[in-house]
Full PDB file with SEQRES, HELIX, SHEET, SSBOND, CRYST1, ORIGX, SCALE, CONECT and MASTER records, all heavy atoms in Angstrom:
SEQRES   1 A   35  LEU ALA LEU PHE ASN LEU GLY PHE ARG PRO PHE PHE LEU          
SEQRES   2 A   35  GLY ALA ALA VAL TYR ALA VAL VAL SER ILE PHE ILE TRP          
SEQRES   3 A   35  LEU GLY LEU TYR GLY LEU GLY TRP SER                          
HELIX    1 AA1 PHE A    8  TRP A   26  1                                  19    
HELIX    2 AA2 LEU A   27  GLY A   31  3                                   5    
CRYST1    1.000    1.000    1.000  90.00  90.00  90.00 P 1           1          
ORIGX1      1.000000  0.000000  0.000000        0.00000                         
ORIGX2      0.000000  1.000000  0.000000        0.00000                         
ORIGX3      0.000000  0.000000  1.000000        0.00000                         
SCALE1      1.000000  0.000000  0.000000        0.00000                         
SCALE2      0.000000  1.000000  0.000000        0.00000                         
SCALE3      0.000000  0.000000  1.000000        0.00000                         
ATOM      1  N   LEU A   1     169.348 150.734 132.803  1.00  0.00           N  
ATOM      2  CA  LEU A   1     169.436 149.258 133.264  1.00  0.00           C  
ATOM      3  C   LEU A   1     170.225 148.623 132.158  1.00  0.00           C  
ATOM      4  O   LEU A   1     169.920 148.567 131.002  1.00  0.00           O  
ATOM      5  CB  LEU A   1     168.028 148.671 133.374  1.00  0.00           C  
ATOM      6  CG  LEU A   1     168.069 147.168 133.728  1.00  0.00           C  
ATOM      7  CD1 LEU A   1     168.400 147.069 135.144  1.00  0.00           C  
ATOM      8  CD2 LEU A   1     166.603 146.588 133.539  1.00  0.00           C  
ATOM      9  N   ALA A   2     171.347 147.961 132.570  1.00  0.00           N  
ATOM     10  CA  ALA A   2     172.336 147.457 131.570  1.00  0.00           C  
ATOM     11  C   ALA A   2     172.140 145.814 131.560  1.00  0.00           C  
ATOM     12  O   ALA A   2     172.996 145.295 130.941  1.00  0.00           O  
ATOM     13  CB  ALA A   2     173.641 147.678 131.803  1.00  0.00           C  
ATOM     14  N   LEU A   3     171.129 145.343 132.218  1.00  0.00           N  
ATOM     15  CA  LEU A   3     171.018 143.885 132.399  1.00  0.00           C  
ATOM     16  C   LEU A   3     170.958 143.044 131.092  1.00  0.00           C  
ATOM     17  O   LEU A   3     171.546 141.943 130.959  1.00  0.00           O  
ATOM     18  CB  LEU A   3     169.676 143.496 133.169  1.00  0.00           C  
ATOM     19  CG  LEU A   3     169.528 142.097 133.463  1.00  0.00           C  
ATOM     20  CD1 LEU A   3     170.742 141.415 134.347  1.00  0.00           C  
ATOM     21  CD2 LEU A   3     168.183 141.846 134.196  1.00  0.00           C  
ATOM     22  N   PHE A   4     170.402 143.745 130.020  1.00  0.00           N  
ATOM     23  CA  PHE A   4     170.392 142.946 128.758  1.00  0.00           C  
ATOM     24  C   PHE A   4     171.214 143.639 127.606  1.00  0.00           C  
ATOM     25  O   PHE A   4     171.033 143.442 126.500  1.00  0.00           O  
ATOM     26  CB  PHE A   4     168.841 142.873 128.158  1.00  0.00           C  
ATOM     27  CG  PHE A   4     168.091 142.142 129.176  1.00  0.00           C  
ATOM     28  CD1 PHE A   4     167.291 142.736 130.131  1.00  0.00           C  
ATOM     29  CD2 PHE A   4     168.101 140.750 129.170  1.00  0.00           C  
ATOM     30  CE1 PHE A   4     166.347 142.030 131.001  1.00  0.00           C  
ATOM     31  CE2 PHE A   4     167.456 139.994 130.032  1.00  0.00           C  
ATOM     32  CZ  PHE A   4     166.400 140.548 130.884  1.00  0.00           C  
ATOM     33  N   ASN A   5     172.321 144.197 128.148  1.00  0.00           N  
ATOM     34  CA  ASN A   5     173.276 144.871 127.228  1.00  0.00           C  
ATOM     35  C   ASN A   5     174.196 143.759 126.530  1.00  0.00           C  
ATOM     36  O   ASN A   5     174.649 143.924 125.400  1.00  0.00           O  
ATOM     37  CB  ASN A   5     174.159 145.817 127.834  1.00  0.00           C  
ATOM     38  CG  ASN A   5     173.381 147.108 127.964  1.00  0.00           C  
ATOM     39  OD1 ASN A   5     172.199 147.242 127.777  1.00  0.00           O  
ATOM     40  ND2 ASN A   5     174.038 148.240 128.484  1.00  0.00           N  
ATOM     41  N   LEU A   6     174.501 142.728 127.232  1.00  0.00           N  
ATOM     42  CA  LEU A   6     175.430 141.699 126.675  1.00  0.00           C  
ATOM     43  C   LEU A   6     174.982 140.403 127.325  1.00  0.00           C  
ATOM     44  O   LEU A   6     174.586 140.343 128.581  1.00  0.00           O  
ATOM     45  CB  LEU A   6     176.881 142.047 126.913  1.00  0.00           C  
ATOM     46  CG  LEU A   6     177.853 141.323 126.169  1.00  0.00           C  
ATOM     47  CD1 LEU A   6     177.606 141.232 124.613  1.00  0.00           C  
ATOM     48  CD2 LEU A   6     179.399 141.797 126.392  1.00  0.00           C  
ATOM     49  N   GLY A   7     175.189 139.206 126.754  1.00  0.00           N  
ATOM     50  CA  GLY A   7     174.785 137.952 127.180  1.00  0.00           C  
ATOM     51  C   GLY A   7     175.231 137.555 128.568  1.00  0.00           C  
ATOM     52  O   GLY A   7     174.412 136.782 129.213  1.00  0.00           O  
ATOM     53  N   PHE A   8     176.439 137.860 129.053  1.00  0.00           N  
ATOM     54  CA  PHE A   8     176.941 137.409 130.317  1.00  0.00           C  
ATOM     55  C   PHE A   8     176.080 137.974 131.481  1.00  0.00           C  
ATOM     56  O   PHE A   8     175.867 137.265 132.471  1.00  0.00           O  
ATOM     57  CB  PHE A   8     178.361 137.749 130.635  1.00  0.00           C  
ATOM     58  CG  PHE A   8     178.479 139.217 130.922  1.00  0.00           C  
ATOM     59  CD1 PHE A   8     178.642 139.645 132.249  1.00  0.00           C  
ATOM     60  CD2 PHE A   8     178.745 140.240 129.902  1.00  0.00           C  
ATOM     61  CE1 PHE A   8     178.971 141.015 132.483  1.00  0.00           C  
ATOM     62  CE2 PHE A   8     179.020 141.551 130.174  1.00  0.00           C  
ATOM     63  CZ  PHE A   8     179.071 141.913 131.497  1.00  0.00           C  
ATOM     64  N   ARG A   9     175.406 139.137 131.300  1.00  0.00           N  
ATOM     65  CA  ARG A   9     174.697 139.791 132.408  1.00  0.00           C  
ATOM     66  C   ARG A   9     173.529 139.075 132.840  1.00  0.00           C  
ATOM     67  O   ARG A   9     173.429 138.531 134.044  1.00  0.00           O  
ATOM     68  CB  ARG A   9     174.326 141.183 131.964  1.00  0.00           C  
ATOM     69  CG  ARG A   9     175.436 142.172 131.841  1.00  0.00           C  
ATOM     70  CD  ARG A   9     174.987 143.601 131.367  1.00  0.00           C  
ATOM     71  NE  ARG A   9     176.093 144.590 131.265  1.00  0.00           N  
ATOM     72  CZ  ARG A   9     176.528 145.277 132.214  1.00  0.00           C  
ATOM     73  NH1 ARG A   9     175.997 145.091 133.436  1.00  0.00           N  
ATOM     74  NH2 ARG A   9     177.500 146.170 132.088  1.00  0.00           N  
ATOM     75  N   PRO A  10     172.571 138.694 131.923  1.00  0.00           N  
ATOM     76  CA  PRO A  10     171.374 138.065 132.506  1.00  0.00           C  
ATOM     77  C   PRO A  10     171.652 136.584 132.909  1.00  0.00           C  
ATOM     78  O   PRO A  10     171.117 136.017 133.809  1.00  0.00           O  
ATOM     79  CB  PRO A  10     170.274 138.210 131.375  1.00  0.00           C  
ATOM     80  CG  PRO A  10     171.093 138.344 130.157  1.00  0.00           C  
ATOM     81  CD  PRO A  10     172.313 139.103 130.595  1.00  0.00           C  
ATOM     82  N   PHE A  11     172.384 135.888 132.019  1.00  0.00           N  
ATOM     83  CA  PHE A  11     172.686 134.509 132.201  1.00  0.00           C  
ATOM     84  C   PHE A  11     173.523 134.263 133.430  1.00  0.00           C  
ATOM     85  O   PHE A  11     173.350 133.287 134.239  1.00  0.00           O  
ATOM     86  CB  PHE A  11     173.261 133.895 130.914  1.00  0.00           C  
ATOM     87  CG  PHE A  11     172.226 133.649 129.944  1.00  0.00           C  
ATOM     88  CD1 PHE A  11     172.176 134.445 128.825  1.00  0.00           C  
ATOM     89  CD2 PHE A  11     171.227 132.746 130.046  1.00  0.00           C  
ATOM     90  CE1 PHE A  11     171.157 134.257 127.756  1.00  0.00           C  
ATOM     91  CE2 PHE A  11     170.167 132.529 129.207  1.00  0.00           C  
ATOM     92  CZ  PHE A  11     170.140 133.303 127.946  1.00  0.00           C  
ATOM     93  N   PHE A  12     174.474 135.022 133.700  1.00  0.00           N  
ATOM     94  CA  PHE A  12     175.375 134.803 134.964  1.00  0.00           C  
ATOM     95  C   PHE A  12     174.481 135.123 136.215  1.00  0.00           C  
ATOM     96  O   PHE A  12     174.644 134.399 137.177  1.00  0.00           O  
ATOM     97  CB  PHE A  12     176.538 135.709 134.941  1.00  0.00           C  
ATOM     98  CG  PHE A  12     177.641 135.282 134.034  1.00  0.00           C  
ATOM     99  CD1 PHE A  12     177.545 134.169 133.267  1.00  0.00           C  
ATOM    100  CD2 PHE A  12     178.828 135.989 133.954  1.00  0.00           C  
ATOM    101  CE1 PHE A  12     178.538 133.781 132.341  1.00  0.00           C  
ATOM    102  CE2 PHE A  12     179.825 135.644 132.959  1.00  0.00           C  
ATOM    103  CZ  PHE A  12     179.717 134.438 132.251  1.00  0.00           C  
ATOM    104  N   LEU A  13     173.765 136.114 136.105  1.00  0.00           N  
ATOM    105  CA  LEU A  13     172.790 136.508 137.301  1.00  0.00           C  
ATOM    106  C   LEU A  13     171.718 135.332 137.503  1.00  0.00           C  
ATOM    107  O   LEU A  13     171.538 134.861 138.553  1.00  0.00           O  
ATOM    108  CB  LEU A  13     172.202 137.880 136.980  1.00  0.00           C  
ATOM    109  CG  LEU A  13     171.311 138.308 138.249  1.00  0.00           C  
ATOM    110  CD1 LEU A  13     172.106 138.553 139.437  1.00  0.00           C  
ATOM    111  CD2 LEU A  13     170.601 139.709 137.768  1.00  0.00           C  
ATOM    112  N   GLY A  14     171.180 134.981 136.389  1.00  0.00           N  
ATOM    113  CA  GLY A  14     170.239 133.862 136.515  1.00  0.00           C  
ATOM    114  C   GLY A  14     170.854 132.479 137.004  1.00  0.00           C  
ATOM    115  O   GLY A  14     170.186 131.832 137.748  1.00  0.00           O  
ATOM    116  N   ALA A  15     172.099 132.211 136.469  1.00  0.00           N  
ATOM    117  CA  ALA A  15     172.759 131.071 136.852  1.00  0.00           C  
ATOM    118  C   ALA A  15     172.966 131.148 138.389  1.00  0.00           C  
ATOM    119  O   ALA A  15     172.864 130.103 139.088  1.00  0.00           O  
ATOM    120  CB  ALA A  15     173.949 130.988 136.090  1.00  0.00           C  
ATOM    121  N   ALA A  16     173.454 132.189 138.934  1.00  0.00           N  
ATOM    122  CA  ALA A  16     173.776 132.351 140.185  1.00  0.00           C  
ATOM    123  C   ALA A  16     172.576 132.183 141.141  1.00  0.00           C  
ATOM    124  O   ALA A  16     172.550 131.488 142.180  1.00  0.00           O  
ATOM    125  CB  ALA A  16     174.575 133.598 140.594  1.00  0.00           C  
ATOM    126  N   VAL A  17     171.536 132.915 140.799  1.00  0.00           N  
ATOM    127  CA  VAL A  17     170.213 132.720 141.590  1.00  0.00           C  
ATOM    128  C   VAL A  17     169.781 131.307 141.506  1.00  0.00           C  
ATOM    129  O   VAL A  17     169.326 130.709 142.618  1.00  0.00           O  
ATOM    130  CB  VAL A  17     169.202 133.680 140.957  1.00  0.00           C  
ATOM    131  CG1 VAL A  17     167.722 133.377 141.427  1.00  0.00           C  
ATOM    132  CG2 VAL A  17     169.633 135.125 141.129  1.00  0.00           C  
ATOM    133  N   TYR A  18     169.835 130.680 140.408  1.00  0.00           N  
ATOM    134  CA  TYR A  18     169.361 129.354 140.239  1.00  0.00           C  
ATOM    135  C   TYR A  18     170.246 128.321 141.002  1.00  0.00           C  
ATOM    136  O   TYR A  18     169.729 127.254 141.530  1.00  0.00           O  
ATOM    137  CB  TYR A  18     169.303 128.823 138.771  1.00  0.00           C  
ATOM    138  CG  TYR A  18     168.392 127.668 138.545  1.00  0.00           C  
ATOM    139  CD1 TYR A  18     167.117 127.647 139.007  1.00  0.00           C  
ATOM    140  CD2 TYR A  18     168.898 126.398 138.025  1.00  0.00           C  
ATOM    141  CE1 TYR A  18     166.253 126.419 138.825  1.00  0.00           C  
ATOM    142  CE2 TYR A  18     168.119 125.406 137.821  1.00  0.00           C  
ATOM    143  CZ  TYR A  18     166.756 125.376 138.308  1.00  0.00           C  
ATOM    144  OH  TYR A  18     166.071 124.224 138.204  1.00  0.00           O  
ATOM    145  N   ALA A  19     171.555 128.651 141.105  1.00  0.00           N  
ATOM    146  CA  ALA A  19     172.499 127.825 141.929  1.00  0.00           C  
ATOM    147  C   ALA A  19     172.093 127.840 143.315  1.00  0.00           C  
ATOM    148  O   ALA A  19     172.162 126.769 144.002  1.00  0.00           O  
ATOM    149  CB  ALA A  19     173.845 128.398 141.794  1.00  0.00           C  
ATOM    150  N   VAL A  20     171.531 128.903 143.820  1.00  0.00           N  
ATOM    151  CA  VAL A  20     171.077 128.983 145.221  1.00  0.00           C  
ATOM    152  C   VAL A  20     169.646 128.398 145.369  1.00  0.00           C  
ATOM    153  O   VAL A  20     169.470 127.494 146.215  1.00  0.00           O  
ATOM    154  CB  VAL A  20     170.860 130.476 145.690  1.00  0.00           C  
ATOM    155  CG1 VAL A  20     170.254 130.522 147.063  1.00  0.00           C  
ATOM    156  CG2 VAL A  20     172.315 131.163 145.643  1.00  0.00           C  
ATOM    157  N   VAL A  21     168.734 128.657 144.492  1.00  0.00           N  
ATOM    158  CA  VAL A  21     167.303 128.115 144.560  1.00  0.00           C  
ATOM    159  C   VAL A  21     167.333 126.609 144.338  1.00  0.00           C  
ATOM    160  O   VAL A  21     166.769 125.938 145.084  1.00  0.00           O  
ATOM    161  CB  VAL A  21     166.484 128.850 143.637  1.00  0.00           C  
ATOM    162  CG1 VAL A  21     165.110 128.193 143.437  1.00  0.00           C  
ATOM    163  CG2 VAL A  21     166.347 130.377 143.914  1.00  0.00           C  
ATOM    164  N   SER A  22     167.995 126.078 143.304  1.00  0.00           N  
ATOM    165  CA  SER A  22     167.984 124.708 143.056  1.00  0.00           C  
ATOM    166  C   SER A  22     168.531 123.794 144.111  1.00  0.00           C  
ATOM    167  O   SER A  22     168.026 122.760 144.440  1.00  0.00           O  
ATOM    168  CB  SER A  22     168.559 124.469 141.630  1.00  0.00           C  
ATOM    169  OG  SER A  22     169.898 124.771 141.632  1.00  0.00           O  
ATOM    170  N   ILE A  23     169.726 124.247 144.621  1.00  0.00           N  
ATOM    171  CA  ILE A  23     170.370 123.463 145.758  1.00  0.00           C  
ATOM    172  C   ILE A  23     169.602 123.601 147.009  1.00  0.00           C  
ATOM    173  O   ILE A  23     169.607 122.603 147.749  1.00  0.00           O  
ATOM    174  CB  ILE A  23     171.821 123.851 145.803  1.00  0.00           C  
ATOM    175  CG1 ILE A  23     172.595 123.496 144.664  1.00  0.00           C  
ATOM    176  CG2 ILE A  23     172.419 123.207 147.002  1.00  0.00           C  
ATOM    177  CD1 ILE A  23     172.566 122.068 144.192  1.00  0.00           C  
ATOM    178  N   PHE A  24     168.880 124.792 147.211  1.00  0.00           N  
ATOM    179  CA  PHE A  24     168.042 124.903 148.368  1.00  0.00           C  
ATOM    180  C   PHE A  24     166.820 123.872 148.305  1.00  0.00           C  
ATOM    181  O   PHE A  24     166.524 123.265 149.254  1.00  0.00           O  
ATOM    182  CB  PHE A  24     167.491 126.323 148.548  1.00  0.00           C  
ATOM    183  CG  PHE A  24     166.541 126.435 149.613  1.00  0.00           C  
ATOM    184  CD1 PHE A  24     167.059 126.604 150.993  1.00  0.00           C  
ATOM    185  CD2 PHE A  24     165.330 126.401 149.543  1.00  0.00           C  
ATOM    186  CE1 PHE A  24     166.337 126.777 152.058  1.00  0.00           C  
ATOM    187  CE2 PHE A  24     164.315 126.752 150.592  1.00  0.00           C  
ATOM    188  CZ  PHE A  24     164.925 126.828 151.935  1.00  0.00           C  
ATOM    189  N   ILE A  25     166.284 123.693 147.103  1.00  0.00           N  
ATOM    190  CA  ILE A  25     165.200 122.673 146.901  1.00  0.00           C  
ATOM    191  C   ILE A  25     165.755 121.357 147.112  1.00  0.00           C  
ATOM    192  O   ILE A  25     165.136 120.341 147.767  1.00  0.00           O  
ATOM    193  CB  ILE A  25     164.597 122.839 145.465  1.00  0.00           C  
ATOM    194  CG1 ILE A  25     163.872 124.238 145.406  1.00  0.00           C  
ATOM    195  CG2 ILE A  25     163.714 121.712 145.163  1.00  0.00           C  
ATOM    196  CD1 ILE A  25     163.409 124.597 143.966  1.00  0.00           C  
ATOM    197  N   TRP A  26     167.028 121.129 146.518  1.00  0.00           N  
ATOM    198  CA  TRP A  26     167.592 119.783 146.648  1.00  0.00           C  
ATOM    199  C   TRP A  26     167.931 119.457 148.163  1.00  0.00           C  
ATOM    200  O   TRP A  26     167.836 118.337 148.584  1.00  0.00           O  
ATOM    201  CB  TRP A  26     168.829 119.734 145.732  1.00  0.00           C  
ATOM    202  CG  TRP A  26     169.588 118.455 145.833  1.00  0.00           C  
ATOM    203  CD1 TRP A  26     171.000 118.305 146.134  1.00  0.00           C  
ATOM    204  CD2 TRP A  26     169.116 117.066 145.668  1.00  0.00           C  
ATOM    205  NE1 TRP A  26     171.254 116.909 146.078  1.00  0.00           N  
ATOM    206  CE2 TRP A  26     170.229 116.114 145.786  1.00  0.00           C  
ATOM    207  CE3 TRP A  26     167.836 116.586 145.157  1.00  0.00           C  
ATOM    208  CZ2 TRP A  26     170.073 114.887 145.543  1.00  0.00           C  
ATOM    209  CZ3 TRP A  26     167.644 115.205 145.180  1.00  0.00           C  
ATOM    210  CH2 TRP A  26     168.773 114.421 145.240  1.00  0.00           C  
ATOM    211  N   LEU A  27     168.384 120.504 148.834  1.00  0.00           N  
ATOM    212  CA  LEU A  27     168.554 120.245 150.294  1.00  0.00           C  
ATOM    213  C   LEU A  27     167.334 119.809 150.916  1.00  0.00           C  
ATOM    214  O   LEU A  27     167.325 118.983 151.892  1.00  0.00           O  
ATOM    215  CB  LEU A  27     169.151 121.522 150.937  1.00  0.00           C  
ATOM    216  CG  LEU A  27     169.264 121.668 152.398  1.00  0.00           C  
ATOM    217  CD1 LEU A  27     170.311 120.795 152.887  1.00  0.00           C  
ATOM    218  CD2 LEU A  27     169.657 123.161 152.769  1.00  0.00           C  
ATOM    219  N   GLY A  28     166.197 120.631 150.622  1.00  0.00           N  
ATOM    220  CA  GLY A  28     164.969 120.141 151.261  1.00  0.00           C  
ATOM    221  C   GLY A  28     164.434 118.695 150.819  1.00  0.00           C  
ATOM    222  O   GLY A  28     164.042 117.972 151.741  1.00  0.00           O  
ATOM    223  N   LEU A  29     164.681 118.381 149.601  1.00  0.00           N  
ATOM    224  CA  LEU A  29     164.334 117.016 149.076  1.00  0.00           C  
ATOM    225  C   LEU A  29     165.228 115.946 149.787  1.00  0.00           C  
ATOM    226  O   LEU A  29     164.673 114.867 150.194  1.00  0.00           O  
ATOM    227  CB  LEU A  29     164.471 116.997 147.638  1.00  0.00           C  
ATOM    228  CG  LEU A  29     163.336 117.780 146.864  1.00  0.00           C  
ATOM    229  CD1 LEU A  29     163.715 117.773 145.425  1.00  0.00           C  
ATOM    230  CD2 LEU A  29     161.995 117.366 146.995  1.00  0.00           C  
ATOM    231  N   TYR A  30     166.471 116.188 149.751  1.00  0.00           N  
ATOM    232  CA  TYR A  30     167.424 115.057 150.193  1.00  0.00           C  
ATOM    233  C   TYR A  30     167.616 115.112 151.826  1.00  0.00           C  
ATOM    234  O   TYR A  30     167.629 114.081 152.358  1.00  0.00           O  
ATOM    235  CB  TYR A  30     168.768 115.307 149.630  1.00  0.00           C  
ATOM    236  CG  TYR A  30     169.775 114.142 149.763  1.00  0.00           C  
ATOM    237  CD1 TYR A  30     169.791 113.178 148.882  1.00  0.00           C  
ATOM    238  CD2 TYR A  30     170.526 114.069 150.887  1.00  0.00           C  
ATOM    239  CE1 TYR A  30     170.616 112.040 149.075  1.00  0.00           C  
ATOM    240  CE2 TYR A  30     171.357 112.884 151.039  1.00  0.00           C  
ATOM    241  CZ  TYR A  30     171.386 111.867 150.093  1.00  0.00           C  
ATOM    242  OH  TYR A  30     172.307 110.846 150.450  1.00  0.00           O  
ATOM    243  N   GLY A  31     167.809 116.289 152.290  1.00  0.00           N  
ATOM    244  CA  GLY A  31     168.098 116.335 153.740  1.00  0.00           C  
ATOM    245  C   GLY A  31     166.990 116.533 154.684  1.00  0.00           C  
ATOM    246  O   GLY A  31     167.132 116.172 155.893  1.00  0.00           O  
ATOM    247  N   LEU A  32     165.879 117.105 154.127  1.00  0.00           N  
ATOM    248  CA  LEU A  32     164.771 117.499 155.004  1.00  0.00           C  
ATOM    249  C   LEU A  32     163.495 116.764 154.734  1.00  0.00           C  
ATOM    250  O   LEU A  32     162.626 116.974 155.483  1.00  0.00           O  
ATOM    251  CB  LEU A  32     164.579 119.014 154.889  1.00  0.00           C  
ATOM    252  CG  LEU A  32     165.678 120.009 155.209  1.00  0.00           C  
ATOM    253  CD1 LEU A  32     165.238 121.376 155.094  1.00  0.00           C  
ATOM    254  CD2 LEU A  32     166.188 119.761 156.623  1.00  0.00           C  
ATOM    255  N   GLY A  33     163.579 115.912 153.790  1.00  0.00           N  
ATOM    256  CA  GLY A  33     162.487 114.954 153.606  1.00  0.00           C  
ATOM    257  C   GLY A  33     161.216 115.685 152.920  1.00  0.00           C  
ATOM    258  O   GLY A  33     160.100 115.066 152.993  1.00  0.00           O  
ATOM    259  N   TRP A  34     161.520 116.780 152.110  1.00  0.00           N  
ATOM    260  CA  TRP A  34     160.350 117.433 151.378  1.00  0.00           C  
ATOM    261  C   TRP A  34     159.915 116.384 150.218  1.00  0.00           C  
ATOM    262  O   TRP A  34     160.554 115.553 149.795  1.00  0.00           O  
ATOM    263  CB  TRP A  34     160.844 118.657 150.640  1.00  0.00           C  
ATOM    264  CG  TRP A  34     161.135 119.720 151.620  1.00  0.00           C  
ATOM    265  CD1 TRP A  34     161.129 119.740 153.037  1.00  0.00           C  
ATOM    266  CD2 TRP A  34     161.647 121.025 151.199  1.00  0.00           C  
ATOM    267  NE1 TRP A  34     161.513 120.985 153.459  1.00  0.00           N  
ATOM    268  CE2 TRP A  34     161.910 121.757 152.360  1.00  0.00           C  
ATOM    269  CE3 TRP A  34     161.950 121.646 149.986  1.00  0.00           C  
ATOM    270  CZ2 TRP A  34     162.309 123.085 152.409  1.00  0.00           C  
ATOM    271  CZ3 TRP A  34     162.485 122.922 149.870  1.00  0.00           C  
ATOM    272  CH2 TRP A  34     162.601 123.663 151.202  1.00  0.00           C  
ATOM    273  N   SER A  35     158.577 116.556 149.971  1.00  0.00           N  
ATOM    274  CA  SER A  35     157.892 115.773 148.973  1.00  0.00           C  
ATOM    275  C   SER A  35     158.273 116.418 147.584  1.00  0.00           C  
ATOM    276  O   SER A  35     158.172 117.625 147.405  1.00  0.00           O  
ATOM    277  CB  SER A  35     156.348 115.700 149.153  1.00  0.00           C  
ATOM    278  OG  SER A  35     156.073 115.072 150.393  1.00  0.00           O  
TER     279      SER A  35                                                      
MASTER        0    0    0    2    0    0    0    6  278    1    0    3          
END                                                                             
């Protein structure tokens, strides 16, 4: 497993996952009326 061999690996993967998750949450809060 090379995920922690160099800084770009975990942080780019984490950033991309969070780009999806955080905007999905924001979509629910803004567009779907989530609490």
